[in-house]
């Protein structure tokens, strides 16, 4: 299991990427960080995003969810 934390620079919110090193599948949790930073982590590990998980509806936790979905074709739960 690979766990990466990306801190959003302005609000200090954390985005988490949980991935399996064997299957290369991952979930992006609370994608409020920079889309560039999120995509860089996904690319670094050669992950396929299976899910976008939102723990709650605050803007700093969900702001990049549409863009992550658009760029990765992930499911959003």
PDB file of N, CA and C in Angstrom:
ATOM      1  N   UNK A   1       0.848  -1.177   0.000  1.00  0.00           N
ATOM      2  CA  UNK A   1       0.000   0.000   0.000  1.00  0.00           C
ATOM      3  C   UNK A   1       0.890   1.236   0.000  1.00  0.00           C
ATOM      4  N   UNK A   2       0.582   2.148  -0.886  1.00  0.00           N
ATOM      5  CA  UNK A   2       1.268   3.434  -0.958  1.00  0.00           C
ATOM      6  C   UNK A   2       0.289   4.495  -0.495  1.00  0.00           C
ATOM      7  N   UNK A   3       0.730   5.355   0.422  1.00  0.00           N
ATOM      8  CA  UNK A   3      -0.083   6.464   0.893  1.00  0.00           C
ATOM      9  C   UNK A   3       0.721   7.745   0.697  1.00  0.00           C
ATOM     10  N   UNK A   4       0.179   8.643  -0.078  1.00  0.00           N
ATOM     11  CA  UNK A   4       0.818   9.945  -0.315  1.00  0.00           C
ATOM     12  C   UNK A   4      -0.098  11.029   0.238  1.00  0.00           C
ATOM     13  N   UNK A   5       0.479  12.017   0.883  1.00  0.00           N
ATOM     14  CA  UNK A   5      -0.254  13.168   1.390  1.00  0.00           C
ATOM     15  C   UNK A   5       0.212  14.404   0.645  1.00  0.00           C
ATOM     16  N   UNK A   6      -0.750  15.170   0.141  1.00  0.00           N
ATOM     17  CA  UNK A   6      -0.445  16.421  -0.547  1.00  0.00           C
ATOM     18  C   UNK A   6      -1.132  17.532   0.242  1.00  0.00           C
ATOM     19  N   UNK A   7      -0.352  18.477   0.742  1.00  0.00           N
ATOM     20  CA  UNK A   7      -0.933  19.581   1.500  1.00  0.00           C
ATOM     21  C   UNK A   7      -1.279  20.736   0.577  1.00  0.00           C
ATOM     22  N   UNK A   8      -2.510  21.198   0.670  1.00  0.00           N
ATOM     23  CA  UNK A   8      -2.942  22.374  -0.064  1.00  0.00           C
ATOM     24  C   UNK A   8      -2.286  23.581   0.589  1.00  0.00           C
ATOM     25  N   UNK A   9      -1.638  24.412  -0.173  1.00  0.00           N
ATOM     26  CA  UNK A   9      -0.770  25.452   0.365  1.00  0.00           C
ATOM     27  C   UNK A   9      -1.500  26.602   1.070  1.00  0.00           C
ATOM     28  N   UNK A  10      -2.695  26.948   0.632  1.00  0.00           N
ATOM     29  CA  UNK A  10      -3.386  28.110   1.179  1.00  0.00           C
ATOM     30  C   UNK A  10      -4.155  27.777   2.457  1.00  0.00           C
ATOM     31  N   UNK A  11      -4.967  26.732   2.426  1.00  0.00           N
ATOM     32  CA  UNK A  11      -5.819  26.384   3.569  1.00  0.00           C
ATOM     33  C   UNK A  11      -5.202  25.312   4.472  1.00  0.00           C
ATOM     34  N   UNK A  12      -4.175  24.628   3.999  1.00  0.00           N
ATOM     35  CA  UNK A  12      -3.541  23.587   4.796  1.00  0.00           C
ATOM     36  C   UNK A  12      -4.292  22.274   4.797  1.00  0.00           C
ATOM     37  N   UNK A  13      -5.243  22.131   3.899  1.00  0.00           N
ATOM     38  CA  UNK A  13      -6.030  20.893   3.768  1.00  0.00           C
ATOM     39  C   UNK A  13      -5.161  19.796   3.172  1.00  0.00           C
ATOM     40  N   UNK A  14      -5.402  18.569   3.552  1.00  0.00           N
ATOM     41  CA  UNK A  14      -4.640  17.440   3.012  1.00  0.00           C
ATOM     42  C   UNK A  14      -5.469  16.643   2.017  1.00  0.00           C
ATOM     43  N   UNK A  15      -4.851  16.315   0.904  1.00  0.00           N
ATOM     44  CA  UNK A  15      -5.386  15.371  -0.066  1.00  0.00           C
ATOM     45  C   UNK A  15      -4.568  14.102   0.093  1.00  0.00           C
ATOM     46  N   UNK A  16      -5.247  12.965   0.102  1.00  0.00           N
ATOM     47  CA  UNK A  16      -4.558  11.683   0.253  1.00  0.00           C
ATOM     48  C   UNK A  16      -4.750  10.847  -1.001  1.00  0.00           C
ATOM     49  N   UNK A  17      -3.696  10.172  -1.390  1.00  0.00           N
ATOM     50  CA  UNK A  17      -3.779   9.216  -2.485  1.00  0.00           C
ATOM     51  C   UNK A  17      -3.345   7.868  -1.922  1.00  0.00           C
ATOM     52  N   UNK A  18      -4.280   6.924  -1.943  1.00  0.00           N
ATOM     53  CA  UNK A  18      -4.025   5.561  -1.470  1.00  0.00           C
ATOM     54  C   UNK A  18      -3.959   4.659  -2.679  1.00  0.00           C
ATOM     55  N   UNK A  19      -2.848   3.964  -2.838  1.00  0.00           N
ATOM     56  CA  UNK A  19      -2.692   3.133  -4.018  1.00  0.00           C
ATOM     57  C   UNK A  19      -2.084   1.785  -3.710  1.00  0.00           C
ATOM     58  N   UNK A  20      -2.363   0.849  -4.582  1.00  0.00           N
ATOM     59  CA  UNK A  20      -1.817  -0.502  -4.494  1.00  0.00           C
ATOM     60  C   UNK A  20      -0.655  -0.619  -5.470  1.00  0.00           C
ATOM     61  N   UNK A  21       0.511  -0.923  -4.948  1.00  0.00           N
ATOM     62  CA  UNK A  21       1.696  -0.988  -5.811  1.00  0.00           C
ATOM     63  C   UNK A  21       1.645  -2.134  -6.815  1.00  0.00           C
ATOM     64  N   UNK A  22       0.848  -3.163  -6.556  1.00  0.00           N
ATOM     65  CA  UNK A  22       0.758  -4.291  -7.493  1.00  0.00           C
ATOM     66  C   UNK A  22      -0.244  -4.026  -8.610  1.00  0.00           C
ATOM     67  N   UNK A  23      -1.455  -3.599  -8.250  1.00  0.00           N
ATOM     68  CA  UNK A  23      -2.493  -3.383  -9.269  1.00  0.00           C
ATOM     69  C   UNK A  23      -2.400  -2.010  -9.919  1.00  0.00           C
ATOM     70  N   UNK A  24      -1.702  -1.087  -9.248  1.00  0.00           N
ATOM     71  CA  UNK A  24      -1.561   0.294  -9.714  1.00  0.00           C
ATOM     72  C   UNK A  24      -2.887   1.052  -9.698  1.00  0.00           C
ATOM     73  N   UNK A  25      -3.858   0.575  -8.908  1.00  0.00           N
ATOM     74  CA  UNK A  25      -5.128   1.270  -8.737  1.00  0.00           C
ATOM     75  C   UNK A  25      -5.039   2.130  -7.489  1.00  0.00           C
ATOM     76  N   UNK A  26      -5.732   3.281  -7.522  1.00  0.00           N
ATOM     77  CA  UNK A  26      -5.690   4.159  -6.359  1.00  0.00           C
ATOM     78  C   UNK A  26      -7.013   4.874  -6.169  1.00  0.00           C
ATOM     79  N   UNK A  27      -7.123   5.494  -5.000  1.00  0.00           N
ATOM     80  CA  UNK A  27      -8.235   6.380  -4.673  1.00  0.00           C
ATOM     81  C   UNK A  27      -7.643   7.726  -4.289  1.00  0.00           C
ATOM     82  N   UNK A  28      -8.323   8.783  -4.682  1.00  0.00           N
ATOM     83  CA  UNK A  28      -7.938  10.136  -4.298  1.00  0.00           C
ATOM     84  C   UNK A  28      -8.977  10.603  -3.281  1.00  0.00           C
ATOM     85  N   UNK A  29      -8.511  10.969  -2.084  1.00  0.00           N
ATOM     86  CA  UNK A  29      -9.405  11.344  -0.990  1.00  0.00           C
ATOM     87  C   UNK A  29      -9.274  12.846  -0.730  1.00  0.00           C
ATOM     88  N   UNK A  30     -10.415  13.532  -0.723  1.00  0.00           N
ATOM     89  CA  UNK A  30     -10.490  14.977  -0.476  1.00  0.00           C
ATOM     90  C   UNK A  30      -9.570  15.785  -1.398  1.00  0.00           C
ATOM     91  N   UNK A  31      -9.835  15.745  -2.711  1.00  0.00           N
ATOM     92  CA  UNK A  31      -8.951  16.421  -3.659  1.00  0.00           C
ATOM     93  C   UNK A  31      -9.114  17.943  -3.670  1.00  0.00           C
ATOM     94  N   UNK A  32      -8.531  18.584  -2.659  1.00  0.00           N
ATOM     95  CA  UNK A  32      -8.553  20.039  -2.602  1.00  0.00           C
ATOM     96  C   UNK A  32      -7.215  20.666  -2.939  1.00  0.00           C
ATOM     97  N   UNK A  33      -6.190  19.853  -3.038  1.00  0.00           N
ATOM     98  CA  UNK A  33      -4.840  20.341  -3.346  1.00  0.00           C
ATOM     99  C   UNK A  33      -4.738  20.691  -4.831  1.00  0.00           C
ATOM    100  N   UNK A  34      -3.611  21.222  -5.206  1.00  0.00           N
ATOM    101  CA  UNK A  34      -3.347  21.586  -6.594  1.00  0.00           C
ATOM    102  C   UNK A  34      -3.536  20.382  -7.515  1.00  0.00           C
ATOM    103  N   UNK A  35      -4.269  20.589  -8.604  1.00  0.00           N
ATOM    104  CA  UNK A  35      -4.473  19.498  -9.565  1.00  0.00           C
ATOM    105  C   UNK A  35      -3.132  19.033 -10.125  1.00  0.00           C
ATOM    106  N   UNK A  36      -2.199  19.937 -10.293  1.00  0.00           N
ATOM    107  CA  UNK A  36      -0.879  19.557 -10.799  1.00  0.00           C
ATOM    108  C   UNK A  36      -0.180  18.630  -9.815  1.00  0.00           C
ATOM    109  N   UNK A  37      -0.235  18.966  -8.526  1.00  0.00           N
ATOM    110  CA  UNK A  37       0.385  18.110  -7.509  1.00  0.00           C
ATOM    111  C   UNK A  37      -0.282  16.740  -7.450  1.00  0.00           C
ATOM    112  N   UNK A  38      -1.608  16.722  -7.541  1.00  0.00           N
ATOM    113  CA  UNK A  38      -2.343  15.451  -7.515  1.00  0.00           C
ATOM    114  C   UNK A  38      -1.944  14.585  -8.704  1.00  0.00           C
ATOM    115  N   UNK A  39      -1.964  15.170  -9.889  1.00  0.00           N
ATOM    116  CA  UNK A  39      -1.632  14.405 -11.093  1.00  0.00           C
ATOM    117  C   UNK A  39      -0.169  13.967 -11.102  1.00  0.00           C
ATOM    118  N   UNK A  40       0.711  14.771 -10.525  1.00  0.00           N
ATOM    119  CA  UNK A  40       2.122  14.369 -10.444  1.00  0.00           C
ATOM    120  C   UNK A  40       2.306  13.116  -9.593  1.00  0.00           C
ATOM    121  N   UNK A  41       1.596  13.025  -8.477  1.00  0.00           N
ATOM    122  CA  UNK A  41       1.684  11.824  -7.632  1.00  0.00           C
ATOM    123  C   UNK A  41       1.115  10.613  -8.368  1.00  0.00           C
ATOM    124  N   UNK A  42      -0.017  10.803  -9.029  1.00  0.00           N
ATOM    125  CA  UNK A  42      -0.626   9.708  -9.794  1.00  0.00           C
ATOM    126  C   UNK A  42       0.335   9.218 -10.875  1.00  0.00           C
ATOM    127  N   UNK A  43       0.935  10.156 -11.579  1.00  0.00           N
ATOM    128  CA  UNK A  43       1.879   9.803 -12.647  1.00  0.00           C
ATOM    129  C   UNK A  43       3.143   9.153 -12.084  1.00  0.00           C
ATOM    130  N   UNK A  44       3.652   9.688 -10.982  1.00  0.00           N
ATOM    131  CA  UNK A  44       4.873   9.152 -10.372  1.00  0.00           C
ATOM    132  C   UNK A  44       4.744   7.660 -10.075  1.00  0.00           C
ATOM    133  N   UNK A  45       3.568   7.254  -9.611  1.00  0.00           N
ATOM    134  CA  UNK A  45       3.345   5.844  -9.258  1.00  0.00           C
ATOM    135  C   UNK A  45       2.678   5.056 -10.385  1.00  0.00           C
ATOM    136  N   UNK A  46       2.387   5.724 -11.486  1.00  0.00           N
ATOM    137  CA  UNK A  46       1.702   5.112 -12.632  1.00  0.00           C
ATOM    138  C   UNK A  46       0.375   4.495 -12.207  1.00  0.00           C
ATOM    139  N   UNK A  47      -0.376   5.262 -11.399  1.00  0.00           N
ATOM    140  CA  UNK A  47      -1.657   4.803 -10.882  1.00  0.00           C
ATOM    141  C   UNK A  47      -2.783   5.027 -11.880  1.00  0.00           C
ATOM    142  N   UNK A  48      -3.806   4.203 -11.763  1.00  0.00           N
ATOM    143  CA  UNK A  48      -5.098   4.409 -12.390  1.00  0.00           C
ATOM    144  C   UNK A  48      -6.051   4.768 -11.267  1.00  0.00           C
ATOM    145  N   UNK A  49      -6.700   5.912 -11.383  1.00  0.00           N
ATOM    146  CA  UNK A  49      -7.609   6.347 -10.332  1.00  0.00           C
ATOM    147  C   UNK A  49      -8.934   5.616 -10.479  1.00  0.00           C
ATOM    148  N   UNK A  50      -9.279   4.853  -9.459  1.00  0.00           N
ATOM    149  CA  UNK A  50     -10.548   4.120  -9.441  1.00  0.00           C
ATOM    150  C   UNK A  50     -11.651   4.960  -8.807  1.00  0.00           C
ATOM    151  N   UNK A  51     -11.324   5.651  -7.725  1.00  0.00           N
ATOM    152  CA  UNK A  51     -12.334   6.392  -6.975  1.00  0.00           C
ATOM    153  C   UNK A  51     -11.824   7.748  -6.529  1.00  0.00           C
ATOM    154  N   UNK A  52     -12.756   8.675  -6.423  1.00  0.00           N
ATOM    155  CA  UNK A  52     -12.548   9.946  -5.749  1.00  0.00           C
ATOM    156  C   UNK A  52     -13.475   9.897  -4.545  1.00  0.00           C
ATOM    157  N   UNK A  53     -12.907  10.021  -3.367  1.00  0.00           N
ATOM    158  CA  UNK A  53     -13.685   9.917  -2.137  1.00  0.00           C
ATOM    159  C   UNK A  53     -13.698  11.274  -1.451  1.00  0.00           C
ATOM    160  N   UNK A  54     -14.898  11.761  -1.160  1.00  0.00           N
ATOM    161  CA  UNK A  54     -15.064  13.049  -0.500  1.00  0.00           C
ATOM    162  C   UNK A  54     -15.578  12.790   0.911  1.00  0.00           C
ATOM    163  N   UNK A  55     -14.821  13.209   1.921  1.00  0.00           N
ATOM    164  CA  UNK A  55     -15.235  12.946   3.298  1.00  0.00           C
ATOM    165  C   UNK A  55     -16.311  13.912   3.773  1.00  0.00           C
ATOM    166  N   UNK A  56     -16.355  15.105   3.184  1.00  0.00           N
ATOM    167  CA  UNK A  56     -17.400  16.085   3.480  1.00  0.00           C
ATOM    168  C   UNK A  56     -17.351  17.180   2.424  1.00  0.00           C
ATOM    169  N   UNK A  57     -18.305  18.104   2.472  1.00  0.00           N
ATOM    170  CA  UNK A  57     -18.501  19.029   1.366  1.00  0.00           C
ATOM    171  C   UNK A  57     -17.830  20.375   1.445  1.00  0.00           C
ATOM    172  N   UNK A  58     -16.867  20.567   2.316  1.00  0.00           N
ATOM    173  CA  UNK A  58     -16.177  21.857   2.361  1.00  0.00           C
ATOM    174  C   UNK A  58     -15.377  22.071   1.076  1.00  0.00           C
ATOM    175  N   UNK A  59     -15.400  23.298   0.590  1.00  0.00           N
ATOM    176  CA  UNK A  59     -14.750  23.630  -0.672  1.00  0.00           C
ATOM    177  C   UNK A  59     -13.282  23.275  -0.736  1.00  0.00           C
ATOM    178  N   UNK A  60     -12.579  23.426   0.396  1.00  0.00           N
ATOM    179  CA  UNK A  60     -11.150  23.125   0.378  1.00  0.00           C
ATOM    180  C   UNK A  60     -10.867  21.631   0.306  1.00  0.00           C
ATOM    181  N   UNK A  61     -11.903  20.806   0.448  1.00  0.00           N
ATOM    182  CA  UNK A  61     -11.733  19.358   0.352  1.00  0.00           C
ATOM    183  C   UNK A  61     -12.246  18.794  -0.969  1.00  0.00           C
ATOM    184  N   UNK A  62     -13.030  19.564  -1.698  1.00  0.00           N
ATOM    185  CA  UNK A  62     -13.661  19.019  -2.909  1.00  0.00           C
ATOM    186  C   UNK A  62     -13.353  19.791  -4.193  1.00  0.00           C
ATOM    187  N   UNK A  63     -12.634  20.895  -4.086  1.00  0.00           N
ATOM    188  CA  UNK A  63     -12.504  21.810  -5.222  1.00  0.00           C
ATOM    189  C   UNK A  63     -11.949  21.180  -6.490  1.00  0.00           C
ATOM    190  N   UNK A  64     -11.082  20.194  -6.376  1.00  0.00           N
ATOM    191  CA  UNK A  64     -10.476  19.593  -7.563  1.00  0.00           C
ATOM    192  C   UNK A  64     -11.148  18.286  -8.005  1.00  0.00           C
ATOM    193  N   UNK A  65     -12.217  17.886  -7.312  1.00  0.00           N
ATOM    194  CA  UNK A  65     -12.887  16.625  -7.668  1.00  0.00           C
ATOM    195  C   UNK A  65     -13.346  16.591  -9.126  1.00  0.00           C
ATOM    196  N   UNK A  66     -14.013  17.631  -9.636  1.00  0.00           N
ATOM    197  CA  UNK A  66     -14.427  17.572 -11.042  1.00  0.00           C
ATOM    198  C   UNK A  66     -13.243  17.439 -12.008  1.00  0.00           C
ATOM    199  N   UNK A  67     -12.164  18.131 -11.709  1.00  0.00           N
ATOM    200  CA  UNK A  67     -10.994  18.081 -12.604  1.00  0.00           C
ATOM    201  C   UNK A  67     -10.285  16.731 -12.520  1.00  0.00           C
ATOM    202  N   UNK A  68     -10.186  16.160 -11.318  1.00  0.00           N
ATOM    203  CA  UNK A  68      -9.598  14.821 -11.192  1.00  0.00           C
ATOM    204  C   UNK A  68     -10.449  13.828 -11.976  1.00  0.00           C
ATOM    205  N   UNK A  69     -11.776  13.926 -11.838  1.00  0.00           N
ATOM    206  CA  UNK A  69     -12.668  13.024 -12.577  1.00  0.00           C
ATOM    207  C   UNK A  69     -12.500  13.201 -14.085  1.00  0.00           C
ATOM    208  N   UNK A  70     -12.472  14.442 -14.527  1.00  0.00           N
ATOM    209  CA  UNK A  70     -12.344  14.713 -15.961  1.00  0.00           C
ATOM    210  C   UNK A  70     -11.030  14.160 -16.519  1.00  0.00           C
ATOM    211  N   UNK A  71      -9.955  14.322 -15.781  1.00  0.00           N
ATOM    212  CA  UNK A  71      -8.650  13.915 -16.295  1.00  0.00           C
ATOM    213  C   UNK A  71      -8.349  12.433 -16.115  1.00  0.00           C
ATOM    214  N   UNK A  72      -9.081  11.758 -15.208  1.00  0.00           N
ATOM    215  CA  UNK A  72      -8.753  10.352 -14.937  1.00  0.00           C
ATOM    216  C   UNK A  72      -9.906   9.411 -15.201  1.00  0.00           C
ATOM    217  N   UNK A  73     -11.118   9.931 -15.403  1.00  0.00           N
ATOM    218  CA  UNK A  73     -12.313   9.119 -15.616  1.00  0.00           C
ATOM    219  C   UNK A  73     -12.630   8.239 -14.393  1.00  0.00           C
ATOM    220  N   UNK A  74     -12.290   8.731 -13.217  1.00  0.00           N
ATOM    221  CA  UNK A  74     -12.536   7.989 -11.978  1.00  0.00           C
ATOM    222  C   UNK A  74     -14.016   8.048 -11.604  1.00  0.00           C
ATOM    223  N   UNK A  75     -14.410   7.116 -10.735  1.00  0.00           N
ATOM    224  CA  UNK A  75     -15.740   7.151 -10.137  1.00  0.00           C
ATOM    225  C   UNK A  75     -15.678   8.127  -8.980  1.00  0.00           C
ATOM    226  N   UNK A  76     -16.803   8.757  -8.670  1.00  0.00           N
ATOM    227  CA  UNK A  76     -16.828   9.693  -7.549  1.00  0.00           C
ATOM    228  C   UNK A  76     -17.834   9.186  -6.538  1.00  0.00           C
ATOM    229  N   UNK A  77     -17.372   8.810  -5.342  1.00  0.00           N
ATOM    230  CA  UNK A  77     -18.241   8.308  -4.269  1.00  0.00           C
ATOM    231  C   UNK A  77     -18.195   9.232  -3.086  1.00  0.00           C
TER     232      UNK A  77
END
